[in-house]
Amino acid sequence: GDSRWHECGHGTAFKTPWMNAVVYNIASFMMMRNAVTW
């Protein structure tokens, strides 16, 4: 979850923005990290 949060936070894992956003928010929840703050 940490690495998925990281890569999708950069917006580089997927070309499609909403895919990055979905995985980023799921991973942020899993890692107990506020998606905005982090």
All heavy atoms as atom14 arrays in JSON, in Angstrom:
{
  "sequence": "GDSRWHECGHGTAFKTPWMNAVVYNIASFMMMRNAVTW",
  "atom14_mask": [
    [1, 1, 1, 1, 0, 0, 0, 0, 0, 0, 0, 0, 0, 0],
    [1, 1, 1, 1, 1, 1, 1, 1, 0, 0, 0, 0, 0, 0],
    [1, 1, 1, 1, 1, 1, 0, 0, 0, 0, 0, 0, 0, 0],
    [1, 1, 1, 1, 1, 1, 1, 1, 1, 1, 1, 0, 0, 0],
    [1, 1, 1, 1, 1, 1, 1, 1, 1, 1, 1, 1, 1, 1],
    [1, 1, 1, 1, 1, 1, 1, 1, 1, 1, 0, 0, 0, 0],
    [1, 1, 1, 1, 1, 1, 1, 1, 1, 0, 0, 0, 0, 0],
    [1, 1, 1, 1, 1, 1, 0, 0, 0, 0, 0, 0, 0, 0],
    [1, 1, 1, 1, 0, 0, 0, 0, 0, 0, 0, 0, 0, 0],
    [1, 1, 1, 1, 1, 1, 1, 1, 1, 1, 0, 0, 0, 0],
    [1, 1, 1, 1, 0, 0, 0, 0, 0, 0, 0, 0, 0, 0],
    [1, 1, 1, 1, 1, 1, 1, 0, 0, 0, 0, 0, 0, 0],
    [1, 1, 1, 1, 1, 0, 0, 0, 0, 0, 0, 0, 0, 0],
    [1, 1, 1, 1, 1, 1, 1, 1, 1, 1, 1, 0, 0, 0],
    [1, 1, 1, 1, 1, 1, 1, 1, 1, 0, 0, 0, 0, 0],
    [1, 1, 1, 1, 1, 1, 1, 0, 0, 0, 0, 0, 0, 0],
    [1, 1, 1, 1, 1, 1, 1, 0, 0, 0, 0, 0, 0, 0],
    [1, 1, 1, 1, 1, 1, 1, 1, 1, 1, 1, 1, 1, 1],
    [1, 1, 1, 1, 1, 1, 1, 1, 0, 0, 0, 0, 0, 0],
    [1, 1, 1, 1, 1, 1, 1, 1, 0, 0, 0, 0, 0, 0],
    [1, 1, 1, 1, 1, 0, 0, 0, 0, 0, 0, 0, 0, 0],
    [1, 1, 1, 1, 1, 1, 1, 0, 0, 0, 0, 0, 0, 0],
    [1, 1, 1, 1, 1, 1, 1, 0, 0, 0, 0, 0, 0, 0],
    [1, 1, 1, 1, 1, 1, 1, 1, 1, 1, 1, 1, 0, 0],
    [1, 1, 1, 1, 1, 1, 1, 1, 0, 0, 0, 0, 0, 0],
    [1, 1, 1, 1, 1, 1, 1, 1, 0, 0, 0, 0, 0, 0],
    [1, 1, 1, 1, 1, 0, 0, 0, 0, 0, 0, 0, 0, 0],
    [1, 1, 1, 1, 1, 1, 0, 0, 0, 0, 0, 0, 0, 0],
    [1, 1, 1, 1, 1, 1, 1, 1, 1, 1, 1, 0, 0, 0],
    [1, 1, 1, 1, 1, 1, 1, 1, 0, 0, 0, 0, 0, 0],
    [1, 1, 1, 1, 1, 1, 1, 1, 0, 0, 0, 0, 0, 0],
    [1, 1, 1, 1, 1, 1, 1, 1, 0, 0, 0, 0, 0, 0],
    [1, 1, 1, 1, 1, 1, 1, 1, 1, 1, 1, 0, 0, 0],
    [1, 1, 1, 1, 1, 1, 1, 1, 0, 0, 0, 0, 0, 0],
    [1, 1, 1, 1, 1, 0, 0, 0, 0, 0, 0, 0, 0, 0],
    [1, 1, 1, 1, 1, 1, 1, 0, 0, 0, 0, 0, 0, 0],
    [1, 1, 1, 1, 1, 1, 1, 0, 0, 0, 0, 0, 0, 0],
    [1, 1, 1, 1, 1, 1, 1, 1, 1, 1, 1, 1, 1, 1]
  ],
  "atom14_positions": [
    [[0.81, -1.21, 0.0], [0.0, 0.0, 0.0], [0.84, 1.26, 0.0], [0.46, 2.28, -0.58], [0.0, 0.0, 0.0], [0.0, 0.0, 0.0], [0.0, 0.0, 0.0], [0.0, 0.0, 0.0], [0.0, 0.0, 0.0], [0.0, 0.0, 0.0], [0.0, 0.0, 0.0], [0.0, 0.0, 0.0], [0.0, 0.0, 0.0], [0.0, 0.0, 0.0]],
    [[2.01, 1.2, 0.64], [2.9, 2.36, 0.7], [3.4, 2.73, -0.7], [3.38, 3.9, -1.08], [4.08, 2.04, 1.61], [5.11, 3.16, 1.64], [4.82, 4.21, 2.22], [6.2, 2.97, 1.07], [0.0, 0.0, 0.0], [0.0, 0.0, 0.0], [0.0, 0.0, 0.0], [0.0, 0.0, 0.0], [0.0, 0.0, 0.0], [0.0, 0.0, 0.0]],
    [[3.83, 1.74, -1.47], [4.36, 2.04, -2.81], [3.24, 2.46, -3.77], [3.47, 3.3, -4.65], [5.12, 0.84, -3.37], [4.33, -0.32, -3.35], [0.0, 0.0, 0.0], [0.0, 0.0, 0.0], [0.0, 0.0, 0.0], [0.0, 0.0, 0.0], [0.0, 0.0, 0.0], [0.0, 0.0, 0.0], [0.0, 0.0, 0.0], [0.0, 0.0, 0.0]],
    [[2.05, 1.89, -3.61], [0.92, 2.3, -4.47], [0.51, 3.73, -4.15], [0.21, 4.52, -5.04], [-0.27, 1.35, -4.31], [-0.22, 0.13, -5.23], [0.86, -0.83, -4.84], [1.05, -1.91, -5.8], [2.09, -2.73, -5.77], [3.03, -2.6, -4.85], [2.22, -3.67, -6.67], [0.0, 0.0, 0.0], [0.0, 0.0, 0.0], [0.0, 0.0, 0.0]],
    [[0.49, 4.05, -2.86], [0.22, 5.43, -2.46], [1.24, 6.37, -3.11], [0.88, 7.42, -3.64], [0.31, 5.54, -0.93], [0.58, 6.91, -0.45], [-0.32, 7.92, -0.26], [1.87, 7.48, -0.15], [0.32, 9.06, 0.15], [1.66, 8.83, 0.23], [3.18, 6.97, -0.14], [2.7, 9.66, 0.59], [4.21, 7.81, 0.22], [3.98, 9.14, 0.58]],
    [[2.5, 5.96, -3.06], [3.57, 6.81, -3.55], [3.47, 7.05, -5.05], [3.47, 8.2, -5.51], [4.92, 6.16, -3.21], [6.09, 6.9, -3.75], [6.68, 6.56, -4.94], [6.78, 7.96, -3.27], [7.68, 7.4, -5.18], [7.78, 8.25, -4.18], [0.0, 0.0, 0.0], [0.0, 0.0, 0.0], [0.0, 0.0, 0.0], [0.0, 0.0, 0.0]],
    [[3.39, 5.99, -5.83], [3.4, 6.14, -7.28], [2.14, 6.83, -7.8], [2.22, 7.7, -8.66], [3.55, 4.77, -7.95], [4.98, 4.3, -8.03], [5.84, 5.29, -8.82], [5.77, 5.31, -10.06], [6.57, 6.06, -8.17], [0.0, 0.0, 0.0], [0.0, 0.0, 0.0], [0.0, 0.0, 0.0], [0.0, 0.0, 0.0], [0.0, 0.0, 0.0]],
    [[0.99, 6.44, -7.28], [-0.24, 7.08, -7.75], [-0.34, 8.51, -7.24], [-1.0, 9.35, -7.87], [-1.45, 6.25, -7.32], [-1.53, 4.65, -8.16], [0.0, 0.0, 0.0], [0.0, 0.0, 0.0], [0.0, 0.0, 0.0], [0.0, 0.0, 0.0], [0.0, 0.0, 0.0], [0.0, 0.0, 0.0], [0.0, 0.0, 0.0], [0.0, 0.0, 0.0]],
    [[0.32, 8.81, -6.13], [0.39, 10.2, -5.67], [1.16, 11.07, -6.65], [0.85, 12.25, -6.82], [0.0, 0.0, 0.0], [0.0, 0.0, 0.0], [0.0, 0.0, 0.0], [0.0, 0.0, 0.0], [0.0, 0.0, 0.0], [0.0, 0.0, 0.0], [0.0, 0.0, 0.0], [0.0, 0.0, 0.0], [0.0, 0.0, 0.0], [0.0, 0.0, 0.0]],
    [[2.16, 10.5, -7.28], [2.9, 11.22, -8.32], [2.08, 11.34, -9.61], [2.41, 12.15, -10.47], [4.21, 10.51, -8.63], [5.32, 10.85, -7.71], [6.05, 12.0, -7.8], [5.84, 10.17, -6.64], [6.97, 12.04, -6.86], [6.87, 10.94, -6.13], [0.0, 0.0, 0.0], [0.0, 0.0, 0.0], [0.0, 0.0, 0.0], [0.0, 0.0, 0.0]],
    [[1.04, 10.51, -9.73], [0.22, 10.54, -10.94], [0.88, 9.91, -12.14], [0.5, 10.2, -13.29], [0.0, 0.0, 0.0], [0.0, 0.0, 0.0], [0.0, 0.0, 0.0], [0.0, 0.0, 0.0], [0.0, 0.0, 0.0], [0.0, 0.0, 0.0], [0.0, 0.0, 0.0], [0.0, 0.0, 0.0], [0.0, 0.0, 0.0], [0.0, 0.0, 0.0]],
    [[1.87, 9.03, -11.91], [2.62, 8.45, -13.02], [2.31, 6.99, -13.28], [2.69, 6.46, -14.33], [4.13, 8.58, -12.75], [4.44, 7.94, -11.5], [4.55, 10.03, -12.69], [0.0, 0.0, 0.0], [0.0, 0.0, 0.0], [0.0, 0.0, 0.0], [0.0, 0.0, 0.0], [0.0, 0.0, 0.0], [0.0, 0.0, 0.0], [0.0, 0.0, 0.0]],
    [[1.67, 6.3, -12.33], [1.44, 4.87, -12.5], [0.54, 4.59, -13.7], [0.84, 3.73, -14.53], [0.84, 4.28, -11.23], [0.0, 0.0, 0.0], [0.0, 0.0, 0.0], [0.0, 0.0, 0.0], [0.0, 0.0, 0.0], [0.0, 0.0, 0.0], [0.0, 0.0, 0.0], [0.0, 0.0, 0.0], [0.0, 0.0, 0.0], [0.0, 0.0, 0.0]],
    [[-0.57, 5.31, -13.78], [-1.52, 5.18, -14.89], [-1.47, 6.43, -15.76], [-1.14, 7.52, -15.28], [-2.95, 5.03, -14.35], [-3.19, 3.83, -13.48], [-2.95, 3.9, -12.11], [-3.67, 2.64, -14.0], [-3.18, 2.81, -11.29], [-3.91, 1.54, -13.19], [-3.67, 1.63, -11.82], [0.0, 0.0, 0.0], [0.0, 0.0, 0.0], [0.0, 0.0, 0.0]],
    [[-1.86, 6.28, -16.99], [-2.03, 7.44, -17.86], [-3.34, 8.15, -17.55], [-3.43, 9.38, -17.6], [-2.01, 7.0, -19.34], [-2.18, 8.14, -20.32], [-2.14, 7.63, -21.76], [-2.33, 8.78, -22.74], [-2.28, 8.3, -24.15], [0.0, 0.0, 0.0], [0.0, 0.0, 0.0], [0.0, 0.0, 0.0], [0.0, 0.0, 0.0], [0.0, 0.0, 0.0]],
    [[-4.38, 7.36, -17.2], [-5.71, 7.91, -16.93], [-5.77, 8.48, -15.51], [-5.56, 7.75, -14.54], [-6.78, 6.81, -17.08], [-6.66, 6.24, -18.4], [-8.17, 7.38, -16.89], [0.0, 0.0, 0.0], [0.0, 0.0, 0.0], [0.0, 0.0, 0.0], [0.0, 0.0, 0.0], [0.0, 0.0, 0.0], [0.0, 0.0, 0.0], [0.0, 0.0, 0.0]],
    [[-6.04, 9.78, -15.35], [-5.97, 10.42, -14.03], [-6.86, 9.78, -12.97], [-6.44, 9.62, -11.81], [-6.38, 11.87, -14.31], [-6.0, 12.1, -15.74], [-6.26, 10.79, -16.42], [0.0, 0.0, 0.0], [0.0, 0.0, 0.0], [0.0, 0.0, 0.0], [0.0, 0.0, 0.0], [0.0, 0.0, 0.0], [0.0, 0.0, 0.0], [0.0, 0.0, 0.0]],
    [[-8.1, 9.39, -13.34], [-8.99, 8.87, -12.31], [-8.5, 7.52, -11.78], [-8.77, 7.18, -10.61], [-10.43, 8.77, -12.82], [-10.72, 7.72, -13.86], [-10.79, 7.9, -15.21], [-10.99, 6.32, -13.63], [-11.08, 6.71, -15.83], [-11.21, 5.73, -14.89], [-11.05, 5.53, -12.48], [-11.51, 4.37, -15.03], [-11.35, 4.18, -12.63], [-11.56, 3.61, -13.88]],
    [[-7.79, 6.76, -12.59], [-7.24, 5.5, -12.11], [-6.18, 5.75, -11.04], [-6.14, 5.08, -10.0], [-6.64, 4.7, -13.27], [-7.66, 4.21, -14.28], [-6.87, 3.2, -15.58], [-8.28, 2.84, -16.62], [0.0, 0.0, 0.0], [0.0, 0.0, 0.0], [0.0, 0.0, 0.0], [0.0, 0.0, 0.0], [0.0, 0.0, 0.0], [0.0, 0.0, 0.0]],
    [[-5.3, 6.73, -11.3], [-4.34, 7.12, -10.27], [-5.04, 7.56, -9.0], [-4.64, 7.19, -7.9], [-3.45, 8.26, -10.78], [-2.34, 7.8, -11.7], [-1.57, 6.91, -11.37], [-2.26, 8.41, -12.87], [0.0, 0.0, 0.0], [0.0, 0.0, 0.0], [0.0, 0.0, 0.0], [0.0, 0.0, 0.0], [0.0, 0.0, 0.0], [0.0, 0.0, 0.0]],
    [[-6.11, 8.35, -9.15], [-6.81, 8.89, -7.98], [-7.46, 7.79, -7.15], [-7.4, 7.82, -5.92], [-7.86, 9.91, -8.44], [0.0, 0.0, 0.0], [0.0, 0.0, 0.0], [0.0, 0.0, 0.0], [0.0, 0.0, 0.0], [0.0, 0.0, 0.0], [0.0, 0.0, 0.0], [0.0, 0.0, 0.0], [0.0, 0.0, 0.0], [0.0, 0.0, 0.0]],
    [[-8.07, 6.81, -7.83], [-8.74, 5.73, -7.11], [-7.75, 4.91, -6.3], [-7.91, 4.67, -5.09], [-9.53, 4.82, -8.08], [-9.98, 3.54, -7.38], [-10.75, 5.57, -8.63], [0.0, 0.0, 0.0], [0.0, 0.0, 0.0], [0.0, 0.0, 0.0], [0.0, 0.0, 0.0], [0.0, 0.0, 0.0], [0.0, 0.0, 0.0], [0.0, 0.0, 0.0]],
    [[-6.66, 4.45, -6.95], [-5.67, 3.63, -6.25], [-4.97, 4.45, -5.17], [-4.69, 3.94, -4.08], [-4.66, 3.04, -7.25], [-3.55, 2.28, -6.52], [-5.37, 2.11, -8.23], [0.0, 0.0, 0.0], [0.0, 0.0, 0.0], [0.0, 0.0, 0.0], [0.0, 0.0, 0.0], [0.0, 0.0, 0.0], [0.0, 0.0, 0.0], [0.0, 0.0, 0.0]],
    [[-4.71, 5.73, -5.45], [-4.06, 6.59, -4.46], [-4.9, 6.71, -3.19], [-4.38, 6.6, -2.08], [-3.81, 7.98, -5.05], [-3.26, 8.97, -4.05], [-1.94, 8.85, -3.59], [-4.04, 10.0, -3.55], [-1.43, 9.75, -2.67], [-3.54, 10.9, -2.63], [-2.24, 10.77, -2.18], [-1.73, 11.66, -1.26], [0.0, 0.0, 0.0], [0.0, 0.0, 0.0]],
    [[-6.19, 6.92, -3.35], [-7.05, 7.09, -2.17], [-7.23, 5.78, -1.41], [-7.26, 5.78, -0.17], [-8.4, 7.68, -2.58], [-8.35, 9.19, -2.74], [-8.45, 9.93, -1.78], [-8.18, 9.65, -3.97], [0.0, 0.0, 0.0], [0.0, 0.0, 0.0], [0.0, 0.0, 0.0], [0.0, 0.0, 0.0], [0.0, 0.0, 0.0], [0.0, 0.0, 0.0]],
    [[-7.35, 4.67, -2.12], [-7.44, 3.37, -1.43], [-6.17, 3.1, -0.64], [-6.2, 2.71, 0.53], [-7.72, 2.24, -2.43], [-9.11, 2.39, -3.05], [-7.6, 0.88, -1.75], [-9.38, 1.41, -4.19], [0.0, 0.0, 0.0], [0.0, 0.0, 0.0], [0.0, 0.0, 0.0], [0.0, 0.0, 0.0], [0.0, 0.0, 0.0], [0.0, 0.0, 0.0]],
    [[-5.02, 3.33, -1.28], [-3.74, 3.09, -0.62], [-3.53, 4.06, 0.55], [-2.98, 3.67, 1.59], [-2.6, 3.23, -1.62], [0.0, 0.0, 0.0], [0.0, 0.0, 0.0], [0.0, 0.0, 0.0], [0.0, 0.0, 0.0], [0.0, 0.0, 0.0], [0.0, 0.0, 0.0], [0.0, 0.0, 0.0], [0.0, 0.0, 0.0], [0.0, 0.0, 0.0]],
    [[-3.97, 5.3, 0.41], [-3.86, 6.26, 1.51], [-4.65, 5.78, 2.72], [-4.18, 5.88, 3.87], [-4.37, 7.63, 1.07], [-3.57, 8.17, 0.04], [0.0, 0.0, 0.0], [0.0, 0.0, 0.0], [0.0, 0.0, 0.0], [0.0, 0.0, 0.0], [0.0, 0.0, 0.0], [0.0, 0.0, 0.0], [0.0, 0.0, 0.0], [0.0, 0.0, 0.0]],
    [[-5.85, 5.27, 2.47], [-6.65, 4.73, 3.58], [-5.95, 3.54, 4.23], [-5.87, 3.45, 5.46], [-8.02, 4.3, 3.06], [-8.81, 3.52, 4.07], [-9.45, 4.16, 5.12], [-8.9, 2.14, 3.99], [-10.16, 3.44, 6.08], [-9.6, 1.4, 4.93], [-10.23, 2.06, 5.98], [0.0, 0.0, 0.0], [0.0, 0.0, 0.0], [0.0, 0.0, 0.0]],
    [[-5.44, 2.63, 3.41], [-4.75, 1.45, 3.94], [-3.56, 1.84, 4.81], [-3.3, 1.21, 5.85], [-4.3, 0.55, 2.79], [-5.44, -0.14, 2.05], [-4.95, -0.76, 0.42], [-3.62, -1.87, 0.81], [0.0, 0.0, 0.0], [0.0, 0.0, 0.0], [0.0, 0.0, 0.0], [0.0, 0.0, 0.0], [0.0, 0.0, 0.0], [0.0, 0.0, 0.0]],
    [[-2.84, 2.89, 4.42], [-1.64, 3.31, 5.15], [-1.96, 4.33, 6.24], [-1.05, 4.83, 6.9], [-0.62, 3.9, 4.17], [-0.14, 2.93, 3.11], [0.53, 1.4, 3.78], [1.96, 2.0, 4.69], [0.0, 0.0, 0.0], [0.0, 0.0, 0.0], [0.0, 0.0, 0.0], [0.0, 0.0, 0.0], [0.0, 0.0, 0.0], [0.0, 0.0, 0.0]],
    [[-3.25, 4.63, 6.44], [-3.69, 5.6, 7.46], [-3.07, 6.97, 7.2], [-2.63, 7.67, 8.13], [-3.35, 5.13, 8.87], [-4.06, 3.87, 9.29], [-3.68, 3.45, 11.01], [-4.68, 1.97, 11.23], [0.0, 0.0, 0.0], [0.0, 0.0, 0.0], [0.0, 0.0, 0.0], [0.0, 0.0, 0.0], [0.0, 0.0, 0.0], [0.0, 0.0, 0.0]],
    [[-3.01, 7.36, 5.95], [-2.44, 8.65, 5.57], [-3.51, 9.52, 4.94], [-4.22, 9.07, 4.05], [-1.29, 8.46, 4.59], [-0.11, 7.74, 5.18], [0.92, 7.39, 4.14], [2.03, 6.65, 4.74], [2.96, 6.01, 4.06], [2.91, 6.02, 2.72], [3.92, 5.37, 4.67], [0.0, 0.0, 0.0], [0.0, 0.0, 0.0], [0.0, 0.0, 0.0]],
    [[-3.61, 10.73, 5.39], [-4.56, 11.65, 4.78], [-4.1, 11.94, 3.35], [-2.99, 12.43, 3.12], [-4.63, 12.95, 5.58], [-5.78, 13.82, 5.14], [-5.77, 14.38, 4.04], [-6.78, 13.95, 5.99], [0.0, 0.0, 0.0], [0.0, 0.0, 0.0], [0.0, 0.0, 0.0], [0.0, 0.0, 0.0], [0.0, 0.0, 0.0], [0.0, 0.0, 0.0]],
    [[-4.94, 11.63, 2.39], [-4.56, 11.72, 0.98], [-4.19, 13.13, 0.56], [-3.35, 13.32, -0.33], [-5.7, 11.19, 0.1], [0.0, 0.0, 0.0], [0.0, 0.0, 0.0], [0.0, 0.0, 0.0], [0.0, 0.0, 0.0], [0.0, 0.0, 0.0], [0.0, 0.0, 0.0], [0.0, 0.0, 0.0], [0.0, 0.0, 0.0], [0.0, 0.0, 0.0]],
    [[-4.79, 14.14, 1.2], [-4.48, 15.53, 0.86], [-3.15, 15.95, 1.49], [-2.24, 16.43, 0.82], [-5.61, 16.47, 1.33], [-5.27, 17.91, 0.99], [-6.93, 16.07, 0.68], [0.0, 0.0, 0.0], [0.0, 0.0, 0.0], [0.0, 0.0, 0.0], [0.0, 0.0, 0.0], [0.0, 0.0, 0.0], [0.0, 0.0, 0.0], [0.0, 0.0, 0.0]],
    [[-3.03, 15.71, 2.79], [-1.82, 16.12, 3.51], [-0.58, 15.49, 2.94], [0.44, 16.15, 2.69], [-1.94, 15.74, 5.0], [-3.1, 16.37, 5.55], [-0.71, 16.16, 5.76], [0.0, 0.0, 0.0], [0.0, 0.0, 0.0], [0.0, 0.0, 0.0], [0.0, 0.0, 0.0], [0.0, 0.0, 0.0], [0.0, 0.0, 0.0], [0.0, 0.0, 0.0]],
    [[-0.64, 14.18, 2.71], [0.56, 13.47, 2.3], [0.99, 13.8, 0.88], [2.16, 13.68, 0.54], [0.38, 11.96, 2.5], [0.61, 11.58, 3.92], [-0.2, 11.84, 4.99], [1.76, 10.92, 4.46], [0.36, 11.36, 6.15], [1.56, 10.79, 5.85], [2.91, 10.4, 3.9], [2.49, 10.18, 6.68], [3.84, 9.79, 4.72], [3.63, 9.69, 6.11]]
  ]
}
